[in-house]
């Protein structure tokens, strides 16, 4: 039987051409007034998923 992709995971993670999985940083959607510009820029850039979580996410993405 074919495994379906979990849609919530598909929306949150991106797989690069080399197979790395990236995610967006959290804590930057609201309450931005007291956070520095440097901190907000750092949160905006994509982060690589840790090795321990990568296997679980791949399974949920069905790839």
C-alpha atoms as a PDB file:
ATOM      1  CA  UNK A   1       0.000   0.000   0.000  1.00  0.00           C
ATOM      2  CA  UNK A   2       1.262   3.482  -0.857  1.00  0.00           C
ATOM      3  CA  UNK A   3       2.135   5.720   2.083  1.00  0.00           C
ATOM      4  CA  UNK A   4       0.483   9.137   2.021  1.00  0.00           C
ATOM      5  CA  UNK A   5       2.486  12.286   2.726  1.00  0.00           C
ATOM      6  CA  UNK A   6       1.551  14.112   5.911  1.00  0.00           C
ATOM      7  CA  UNK A   7       0.395  17.514   4.650  1.00  0.00           C
ATOM      8  CA  UNK A   8       1.402  19.407   7.819  1.00  0.00           C
ATOM      9  CA  UNK A   9       4.986  18.145   7.439  1.00  0.00           C
ATOM     10  CA  UNK A  10       5.025  18.986   3.726  1.00  0.00           C
ATOM     11  CA  UNK A  11       4.134  22.614   4.539  1.00  0.00           C
ATOM     12  CA  UNK A  12       6.840  22.984   7.212  1.00  0.00           C
ATOM     13  CA  UNK A  13       9.894  21.354   5.614  1.00  0.00           C
ATOM     14  CA  UNK A  14      11.736  21.669   2.290  1.00  0.00           C
ATOM     15  CA  UNK A  15      14.018  19.013   0.777  1.00  0.00           C
ATOM     16  CA  UNK A  16      16.976  20.437  -1.185  1.00  0.00           C
ATOM     17  CA  UNK A  17      18.372  18.974  -4.401  1.00  0.00           C
ATOM     18  CA  UNK A  18      21.161  17.309  -2.403  1.00  0.00           C
ATOM     19  CA  UNK A  19      18.612  15.737  -0.048  1.00  0.00           C
ATOM     20  CA  UNK A  20      19.081  17.972   2.996  1.00  0.00           C
ATOM     21  CA  UNK A  21      15.937  18.918   4.894  1.00  0.00           C
ATOM     22  CA  UNK A  22      15.533  22.524   6.002  1.00  0.00           C
ATOM     23  CA  UNK A  23      13.010  24.197   8.262  1.00  0.00           C
ATOM     24  CA  UNK A  24      12.132  27.764   9.151  1.00  0.00           C
ATOM     25  CA  UNK A  25      13.025  29.224  12.521  1.00  0.00           C
ATOM     26  CA  UNK A  26      10.319  29.850  15.071  1.00  0.00           C
ATOM     27  CA  UNK A  27       9.660  32.675  17.532  1.00  0.00           C
ATOM     28  CA  UNK A  28       9.510  35.374  14.851  1.00  0.00           C
ATOM     29  CA  UNK A  29       5.867  35.735  13.868  1.00  0.00           C
ATOM     30  CA  UNK A  30       4.757  38.177  16.558  1.00  0.00           C
ATOM     31  CA  UNK A  31       6.017  40.148  19.599  1.00  0.00           C
ATOM     32  CA  UNK A  32       8.831  41.534  17.452  1.00  0.00           C
ATOM     33  CA  UNK A  33       9.160  44.959  19.118  1.00  0.00           C
ATOM     34  CA  UNK A  34      11.612  43.924  21.830  1.00  0.00           C
ATOM     35  CA  UNK A  35      13.646  41.593  19.566  1.00  0.00           C
ATOM     36  CA  UNK A  36      16.721  42.981  17.818  1.00  0.00           C
ATOM     37  CA  UNK A  37      16.951  43.183  14.018  1.00  0.00           C
ATOM     38  CA  UNK A  38      19.918  40.831  14.133  1.00  0.00           C
ATOM     39  CA  UNK A  39      17.894  38.252  16.057  1.00  0.00           C
ATOM     40  CA  UNK A  40      14.945  38.503  13.643  1.00  0.00           C
ATOM     41  CA  UNK A  41      17.231  38.112  10.593  1.00  0.00           C
ATOM     42  CA  UNK A  42      18.808  35.037  12.153  1.00  0.00           C
ATOM     43  CA  UNK A  43      15.369  33.539  12.788  1.00  0.00           C
ATOM     44  CA  UNK A  44      14.274  34.231   9.199  1.00  0.00           C
ATOM     45  CA  UNK A  45      17.042  32.210   7.573  1.00  0.00           C
ATOM     46  CA  UNK A  46      16.351  28.487   7.045  1.00  0.00           C
ATOM     47  CA  UNK A  47      17.916  25.974   9.411  1.00  0.00           C
ATOM     48  CA  UNK A  48      18.984  22.417   8.738  1.00  0.00           C
ATOM     49  CA  UNK A  49      17.055  19.656  10.501  1.00  0.00           C
ATOM     50  CA  UNK A  50      19.033  17.664  13.074  1.00  0.00           C
ATOM     51  CA  UNK A  51      20.174  14.151  12.158  1.00  0.00           C
ATOM     52  CA  UNK A  52      18.022  12.599  14.872  1.00  0.00           C
ATOM     53  CA  UNK A  53      14.826  14.127  13.422  1.00  0.00           C
ATOM     54  CA  UNK A  54      15.728  13.706   9.760  1.00  0.00           C
ATOM     55  CA  UNK A  55      14.710  10.033   9.556  1.00  0.00           C
ATOM     56  CA  UNK A  56      11.290  10.706  11.133  1.00  0.00           C
ATOM     57  CA  UNK A  57      10.595  13.632   8.802  1.00  0.00           C
ATOM     58  CA  UNK A  58      11.616  11.652   5.709  1.00  0.00           C
ATOM     59  CA  UNK A  59       9.167   8.929   6.693  1.00  0.00           C
ATOM     60  CA  UNK A  60       6.366  11.479   7.147  1.00  0.00           C
ATOM     61  CA  UNK A  61       7.224  13.029   3.773  1.00  0.00           C
ATOM     62  CA  UNK A  62       7.106   9.516   2.272  1.00  0.00           C
ATOM     63  CA  UNK A  63      10.404   9.998   0.407  1.00  0.00           C
END
